[in-house]
């Protein structure tokens, strides 16, 4: 698995009843519409979770700085 963090979204198209995903570093995947929809749901759920983690860490860092400064 590529552990590099990518900040560009993948390109996604529909052709001949398939969903084609072209991602970073040459990643290419063909999915059925059903698999693409489920993947979309999972991506959205995980993206929201990751954003929450970032927000929580940012708040914790601010709290630590406030306690340190007082």
PDB file of N, CA and C in Angstrom:
ATOM      1  N   UNK A   1       0.839  -1.186   0.000  1.00  0.00           N
ATOM      2  CA  UNK A   1       0.000   0.000   0.000  1.00  0.00           C
ATOM      3  C   UNK A   1       0.878   1.242   0.000  1.00  0.00           C
ATOM      4  N   UNK A   2       0.484   2.216  -0.798  1.00  0.00           N
ATOM      5  CA  UNK A   2       1.188   3.487  -0.882  1.00  0.00           C
ATOM      6  C   UNK A   2       0.827   4.327   0.331  1.00  0.00           C
ATOM      7  N   UNK A   3       1.795   4.649   1.170  1.00  0.00           N
ATOM      8  CA  UNK A   3       1.525   5.430   2.372  1.00  0.00           C
ATOM      9  C   UNK A   3       1.635   6.925   2.147  1.00  0.00           C
ATOM     10  N   UNK A   4       1.907   7.340   0.912  1.00  0.00           N
ATOM     11  CA  UNK A   4       1.991   8.759   0.592  1.00  0.00           C
ATOM     12  C   UNK A   4       0.599   9.368   0.691  1.00  0.00           C
ATOM     13  N   UNK A   5       0.516  10.512   1.335  1.00  0.00           N
ATOM     14  CA  UNK A   5      -0.751  11.222   1.474  1.00  0.00           C
ATOM     15  C   UNK A   5      -0.962  12.087   0.232  1.00  0.00           C
ATOM     16  N   UNK A   6      -2.038  11.870  -0.470  1.00  0.00           N
ATOM     17  CA  UNK A   6      -2.336  12.613  -1.693  1.00  0.00           C
ATOM     18  C   UNK A   6      -3.376  13.683  -1.401  1.00  0.00           C
ATOM     19  N   UNK A   7      -3.203  14.854  -2.011  1.00  0.00           N
ATOM     20  CA  UNK A   7      -4.147  15.944  -1.772  1.00  0.00           C
ATOM     21  C   UNK A   7      -4.933  16.333  -3.020  1.00  0.00           C
ATOM     22  N   UNK A   8      -4.883  15.490  -4.037  1.00  0.00           N
ATOM     23  CA  UNK A   8      -5.673  15.725  -5.244  1.00  0.00           C
ATOM     24  C   UNK A   8      -6.704  14.611  -5.388  1.00  0.00           C
ATOM     25  N   UNK A   9      -7.906  14.996  -5.747  1.00  0.00           N
ATOM     26  CA  UNK A   9      -8.976  14.011  -5.922  1.00  0.00           C
ATOM     27  C   UNK A   9      -8.735  13.170  -7.168  1.00  0.00           C
ATOM     28  N   UNK A  10      -9.283  11.976  -7.160  1.00  0.00           N
ATOM     29  CA  UNK A  10      -9.206  11.088  -8.324  1.00  0.00           C
ATOM     30  C   UNK A  10     -10.189  11.564  -9.397  1.00  0.00           C
ATOM     31  N   UNK A  11      -9.893  11.230 -10.634  1.00  0.00           N
ATOM     32  CA  UNK A  11     -10.819  11.479 -11.736  1.00  0.00           C
ATOM     33  C   UNK A  11     -11.754  10.277 -11.852  1.00  0.00           C
ATOM     34  N   UNK A  12     -13.032  10.543 -12.039  1.00  0.00           N
ATOM     35  CA  UNK A  12     -14.021   9.476 -12.108  1.00  0.00           C
ATOM     36  C   UNK A  12     -14.915   9.706 -13.320  1.00  0.00           C
ATOM     37  N   UNK A  13     -15.098   8.644 -14.126  1.00  0.00           N
ATOM     38  CA  UNK A  13     -15.967   8.721 -15.290  1.00  0.00           C
ATOM     39  C   UNK A  13     -16.814   7.455 -15.381  1.00  0.00           C
ATOM     40  N   UNK A  14     -17.899   7.558 -16.148  1.00  0.00           N
ATOM     41  CA  UNK A  14     -18.753   6.396 -16.404  1.00  0.00           C
ATOM     42  C   UNK A  14     -18.672   6.088 -17.894  1.00  0.00           C
ATOM     43  N   UNK A  15     -18.364   4.838 -18.201  1.00  0.00           N
ATOM     44  CA  UNK A  15     -18.268   4.401 -19.592  1.00  0.00           C
ATOM     45  C   UNK A  15     -18.775   2.963 -19.700  1.00  0.00           C
ATOM     46  N   UNK A  16     -19.651   2.743 -20.632  1.00  0.00           N
ATOM     47  CA  UNK A  16     -20.137   1.399 -20.946  1.00  0.00           C
ATOM     48  C   UNK A  16     -20.630   0.646 -19.706  1.00  0.00           C
ATOM     49  N   UNK A  17     -21.337   1.355 -18.824  1.00  0.00           N
ATOM     50  CA  UNK A  17     -21.892   0.707 -17.642  1.00  0.00           C
ATOM     51  C   UNK A  17     -20.907   0.445 -16.525  1.00  0.00           C
ATOM     52  N   UNK A  18     -19.709   1.011 -16.635  1.00  0.00           N
ATOM     53  CA  UNK A  18     -18.685   0.857 -15.602  1.00  0.00           C
ATOM     54  C   UNK A  18     -18.309   2.231 -15.074  1.00  0.00           C
ATOM     55  N   UNK A  19     -17.827   2.262 -13.859  1.00  0.00           N
ATOM     56  CA  UNK A  19     -17.289   3.493 -13.285  1.00  0.00           C
ATOM     57  C   UNK A  19     -15.774   3.335 -13.254  1.00  0.00           C
ATOM     58  N   UNK A  20     -15.089   4.263 -13.913  1.00  0.00           N
ATOM     59  CA  UNK A  20     -13.631   4.217 -14.009  1.00  0.00           C
ATOM     60  C   UNK A  20     -13.039   5.274 -13.090  1.00  0.00           C
ATOM     61  N   UNK A  21     -12.105   4.845 -12.267  1.00  0.00           N
ATOM     62  CA  UNK A  21     -11.441   5.742 -11.333  1.00  0.00           C
ATOM     63  C   UNK A  21      -9.963   5.785 -11.695  1.00  0.00           C
ATOM     64  N   UNK A  22      -9.475   6.985 -11.983  1.00  0.00           N
ATOM     65  CA  UNK A  22      -8.048   7.205 -12.243  1.00  0.00           C
ATOM     66  C   UNK A  22      -7.502   8.033 -11.100  1.00  0.00           C
ATOM     67  N   UNK A  23      -6.680   7.401 -10.280  1.00  0.00           N
ATOM     68  CA  UNK A  23      -6.156   8.069  -9.096  1.00  0.00           C
ATOM     69  C   UNK A  23      -4.696   8.435  -9.245  1.00  0.00           C
ATOM     70  N   UNK A  24      -4.115   8.909  -8.168  1.00  0.00           N
ATOM     71  CA  UNK A  24      -2.711   9.314  -8.176  1.00  0.00           C
ATOM     72  C   UNK A  24      -1.772   8.123  -8.375  1.00  0.00           C
ATOM     73  N   UNK A  25      -0.600   8.423  -8.869  1.00  0.00           N
ATOM     74  CA  UNK A  25       0.450   7.423  -9.059  1.00  0.00           C
ATOM     75  C   UNK A  25       0.016   6.256  -9.935  1.00  0.00           C
ATOM     76  N   UNK A  26      -0.835   6.528 -10.926  1.00  0.00           N
ATOM     77  CA  UNK A  26      -1.216   5.504 -11.884  1.00  0.00           C
ATOM     78  C   UNK A  26      -2.269   4.517 -11.414  1.00  0.00           C
ATOM     79  N   UNK A  27      -2.907   4.781 -10.303  1.00  0.00           N
ATOM     80  CA  UNK A  27      -3.966   3.890  -9.830  1.00  0.00           C
ATOM     81  C   UNK A  27      -5.144   3.979 -10.788  1.00  0.00           C
ATOM     82  N   UNK A  28      -5.620   2.837 -11.250  1.00  0.00           N
ATOM     83  CA  UNK A  28      -6.776   2.783 -12.140  1.00  0.00           C
ATOM     84  C   UNK A  28      -7.662   1.622 -11.707  1.00  0.00           C
ATOM     85  N   UNK A  29      -8.954   1.915 -11.504  1.00  0.00           N
ATOM     86  CA  UNK A  29      -9.888   0.906 -11.038  1.00  0.00           C
ATOM     87  C   UNK A  29     -11.168   1.009 -11.847  1.00  0.00           C
ATOM     88  N   UNK A  30     -11.725  -0.144 -12.242  1.00  0.00           N
ATOM     89  CA  UNK A  30     -13.038  -0.210 -12.880  1.00  0.00           C
ATOM     90  C   UNK A  30     -14.001  -0.852 -11.899  1.00  0.00           C
ATOM     91  N   UNK A  31     -15.141  -0.192 -11.666  1.00  0.00           N
ATOM     92  CA  UNK A  31     -16.113  -0.683 -10.689  1.00  0.00           C
ATOM     93  C   UNK A  31     -17.489  -0.800 -11.323  1.00  0.00           C
ATOM     94  N   UNK A  32     -18.269  -1.724 -10.796  1.00  0.00           N
ATOM     95  CA  UNK A  32     -19.674  -1.756 -11.178  1.00  0.00           C
ATOM     96  C   UNK A  32     -20.326  -0.517 -10.561  1.00  0.00           C
ATOM     97  N   UNK A  33     -21.480  -0.097 -11.083  1.00  0.00           N
ATOM     98  CA  UNK A  33     -22.162   1.039 -10.462  1.00  0.00           C
ATOM     99  C   UNK A  33     -22.459   0.803  -8.982  1.00  0.00           C
ATOM    100  N   UNK A  34     -22.832  -0.413  -8.627  1.00  0.00           N
ATOM    101  CA  UNK A  34     -23.124  -0.733  -7.226  1.00  0.00           C
ATOM    102  C   UNK A  34     -21.883  -0.601  -6.351  1.00  0.00           C
ATOM    103  N   UNK A  35     -20.770  -1.138  -6.823  1.00  0.00           N
ATOM    104  CA  UNK A  35     -19.528  -1.055  -6.058  1.00  0.00           C
ATOM    105  C   UNK A  35     -19.056   0.394  -5.956  1.00  0.00           C
ATOM    106  N   UNK A  36     -19.240   1.160  -7.012  1.00  0.00           N
ATOM    107  CA  UNK A  36     -18.852   2.570  -6.983  1.00  0.00           C
ATOM    108  C   UNK A  36     -19.692   3.347  -5.979  1.00  0.00           C
ATOM    109  N   UNK A  37     -20.997   3.079  -5.928  1.00  0.00           N
ATOM    110  CA  UNK A  37     -21.873   3.771  -4.978  1.00  0.00           C
ATOM    111  C   UNK A  37     -21.487   3.428  -3.543  1.00  0.00           C
ATOM    112  N   UNK A  38     -21.213   2.152  -3.267  1.00  0.00           N
ATOM    113  CA  UNK A  38     -20.803   1.752  -1.915  1.00  0.00           C
ATOM    114  C   UNK A  38     -19.464   2.378  -1.557  1.00  0.00           C
ATOM    115  N   UNK A  39     -18.528   2.402  -2.508  1.00  0.00           N
ATOM    116  CA  UNK A  39     -17.226   3.020  -2.275  1.00  0.00           C
ATOM    117  C   UNK A  39     -17.392   4.507  -1.983  1.00  0.00           C
ATOM    118  N   UNK A  40     -18.282   5.151  -2.719  1.00  0.00           N
ATOM    119  CA  UNK A  40     -18.562   6.567  -2.489  1.00  0.00           C
ATOM    120  C   UNK A  40     -19.055   6.803  -1.071  1.00  0.00           C
ATOM    121  N   UNK A  41     -19.988   5.975  -0.619  1.00  0.00           N
ATOM    122  CA  UNK A  41     -20.506   6.105   0.750  1.00  0.00           C
ATOM    123  C   UNK A  41     -19.389   5.924   1.775  1.00  0.00           C
ATOM    124  N   UNK A  42     -18.553   4.928   1.559  1.00  0.00           N
ATOM    125  CA  UNK A  42     -17.466   4.665   2.499  1.00  0.00           C
ATOM    126  C   UNK A  42     -16.452   5.798   2.508  1.00  0.00           C
ATOM    127  N   UNK A  43     -16.147   6.334   1.321  1.00  0.00           N
ATOM    128  CA  UNK A  43     -15.218   7.466   1.242  1.00  0.00           C
ATOM    129  C   UNK A  43     -15.772   8.678   1.987  1.00  0.00           C
ATOM    130  N   UNK A  44     -17.045   8.979   1.776  1.00  0.00           N
ATOM    131  CA  UNK A  44     -17.651  10.130   2.436  1.00  0.00           C
ATOM    132  C   UNK A  44     -17.664   9.957   3.950  1.00  0.00           C
ATOM    133  N   UNK A  45     -18.027   8.774   4.422  1.00  0.00           N
ATOM    134  CA  UNK A  45     -18.027   8.502   5.859  1.00  0.00           C
ATOM    135  C   UNK A  45     -16.629   8.655   6.455  1.00  0.00           C
ATOM    136  N   UNK A  46     -15.643   8.091   5.782  1.00  0.00           N
ATOM    137  CA  UNK A  46     -14.271   8.152   6.302  1.00  0.00           C
ATOM    138  C   UNK A  46     -13.691   9.558   6.202  1.00  0.00           C
ATOM    139  N   UNK A  47     -14.058  10.296   5.165  1.00  0.00           N
ATOM    140  CA  UNK A  47     -13.595  11.684   5.044  1.00  0.00           C
ATOM    141  C   UNK A  47     -14.139  12.522   6.194  1.00  0.00           C
ATOM    142  N   UNK A  48     -15.418  12.343   6.522  1.00  0.00           N
ATOM    143  CA  UNK A  48     -16.005  13.078   7.644  1.00  0.00           C
ATOM    144  C   UNK A  48     -15.323  12.693   8.951  1.00  0.00           C
ATOM    145  N   UNK A  49     -15.041  11.414   9.137  1.00  0.00           N
ATOM    146  CA  UNK A  49     -14.357  10.951  10.350  1.00  0.00           C
ATOM    147  C   UNK A  49     -12.963  11.565  10.450  1.00  0.00           C
ATOM    148  N   UNK A  50     -12.218  11.583   9.341  1.00  0.00           N
ATOM    149  CA  UNK A  50     -10.865  12.147   9.341  1.00  0.00           C
ATOM    150  C   UNK A  50     -10.897  13.649   9.626  1.00  0.00           C
ATOM    151  N   UNK A  51     -11.878  14.356   9.064  1.00  0.00           N
ATOM    152  CA  UNK A  51     -12.000  15.785   9.350  1.00  0.00           C
ATOM    153  C   UNK A  51     -12.290  16.017  10.822  1.00  0.00           C
ATOM    154  N   UNK A  52     -13.111  15.158  11.413  1.00  0.00           N
ATOM    155  CA  UNK A  52     -13.388  15.253  12.839  1.00  0.00           C
ATOM    156  C   UNK A  52     -12.145  15.025  13.680  1.00  0.00           C
ATOM    157  N   UNK A  53     -11.311  14.089  13.258  1.00  0.00           N
ATOM    158  CA  UNK A  53     -10.063  13.817  13.971  1.00  0.00           C
ATOM    159  C   UNK A  53      -9.143  15.028  13.929  1.00  0.00           C
ATOM    160  N   UNK A  54      -9.061  15.664  12.750  1.00  0.00           N
ATOM    161  CA  UNK A  54      -8.224  16.863  12.606  1.00  0.00           C
ATOM    162  C   UNK A  54      -8.752  17.978  13.495  1.00  0.00           C
ATOM    163  N   UNK A  55     -10.067  18.184  13.493  1.00  0.00           N
ATOM    164  CA  UNK A  55     -10.673  19.214  14.325  1.00  0.00           C
ATOM    165  C   UNK A  55     -10.413  18.942  15.801  1.00  0.00           C
ATOM    166  N   UNK A  56     -10.567  17.698  16.228  1.00  0.00           N
ATOM    167  CA  UNK A  56     -10.340  17.344  17.630  1.00  0.00           C
ATOM    168  C   UNK A  56      -8.893  17.598  18.026  1.00  0.00           C
ATOM    169  N   UNK A  57      -7.961  17.245  17.164  1.00  0.00           N
ATOM    170  CA  UNK A  57      -6.544  17.464  17.478  1.00  0.00           C
ATOM    171  C   UNK A  57      -6.225  18.957  17.525  1.00  0.00           C
ATOM    172  N   UNK A  58      -6.808  19.732  16.622  1.00  0.00           N
ATOM    173  CA  UNK A  58      -6.591  21.181  16.616  1.00  0.00           C
ATOM    174  C   UNK A  58      -7.113  21.799  17.915  1.00  0.00           C
ATOM    175  N   UNK A  59      -8.296  21.382  18.342  1.00  0.00           N
ATOM    176  CA  UNK A  59      -8.858  21.895  19.600  1.00  0.00           C
ATOM    177  C   UNK A  59      -8.005  21.480  20.786  1.00  0.00           C
ATOM    178  N   UNK A  60      -7.537  20.240  20.797  1.00  0.00           N
ATOM    179  CA  UNK A  60      -6.702  19.765  21.901  1.00  0.00           C
ATOM    180  C   UNK A  60      -5.396  20.556  21.961  1.00  0.00           C
ATOM    181  N   UNK A  61      -4.814  20.844  20.814  1.00  0.00           N
ATOM    182  CA  UNK A  61      -3.570  21.614  20.783  1.00  0.00           C
ATOM    183  C   UNK A  61      -3.801  23.027  21.310  1.00  0.00           C
ATOM    184  N   UNK A  62      -4.924  23.637  20.945  1.00  0.00           N
ATOM    185  CA  UNK A  62      -5.247  24.980  21.447  1.00  0.00           C
ATOM    186  C   UNK A  62      -5.458  24.947  22.958  1.00  0.00           C
ATOM    187  N   UNK A  63      -6.139  23.906  23.444  1.00  0.00           N
ATOM    188  CA  UNK A  63      -6.362  23.774  24.884  1.00  0.00           C
ATOM    189  C   UNK A  63      -5.040  23.626  25.631  1.00  0.00           C
ATOM    190  N   UNK A  64      -4.132  22.809  25.078  1.00  0.00           N
ATOM    191  CA  UNK A  64      -2.818  22.626  25.714  1.00  0.00           C
ATOM    192  C   UNK A  64      -2.056  23.951  25.755  1.00  0.00           C
ATOM    193  N   UNK A  65      -2.117  24.707  24.656  1.00  0.00           N
ATOM    194  CA  UNK A  65      -1.411  25.995  24.595  1.00  0.00           C
ATOM    195  C   UNK A  65      -1.998  26.986  25.593  1.00  0.00           C
ATOM    196  N   UNK A  66      -3.329  26.970  25.725  1.00  0.00           N
ATOM    197  CA  UNK A  66      -3.987  27.867  26.673  1.00  0.00           C
ATOM    198  C   UNK A  66      -3.586  27.531  28.103  1.00  0.00           C
ATOM    199  N   UNK A  67      -3.575  26.240  28.449  1.00  0.00           N
ATOM    200  CA  UNK A  67      -3.172  25.813  29.794  1.00  0.00           C
ATOM    201  C   UNK A  67      -1.701  26.161  30.059  1.00  0.00           C
ATOM    202  N   UNK A  68      -0.879  26.002  29.055  1.00  0.00           N
ATOM    203  CA  UNK A  68       0.553  26.279  29.203  1.00  0.00           C
ATOM    204  C   UNK A  68       0.777  27.770  29.443  1.00  0.00           C
ATOM    205  N   UNK A  69      -0.001  28.607  28.754  1.00  0.00           N
ATOM    206  CA  UNK A  69       0.171  30.058  28.850  1.00  0.00           C
ATOM    207  C   UNK A  69      -0.438  30.654  30.112  1.00  0.00           C
ATOM    208  N   UNK A  70      -1.276  29.913  30.785  1.00  0.00           N
ATOM    209  CA  UNK A  70      -1.936  30.457  31.996  1.00  0.00           C
ATOM    210  C   UNK A  70      -1.202  30.080  33.240  1.00  0.00           C
TER     211      UNK A  70
END
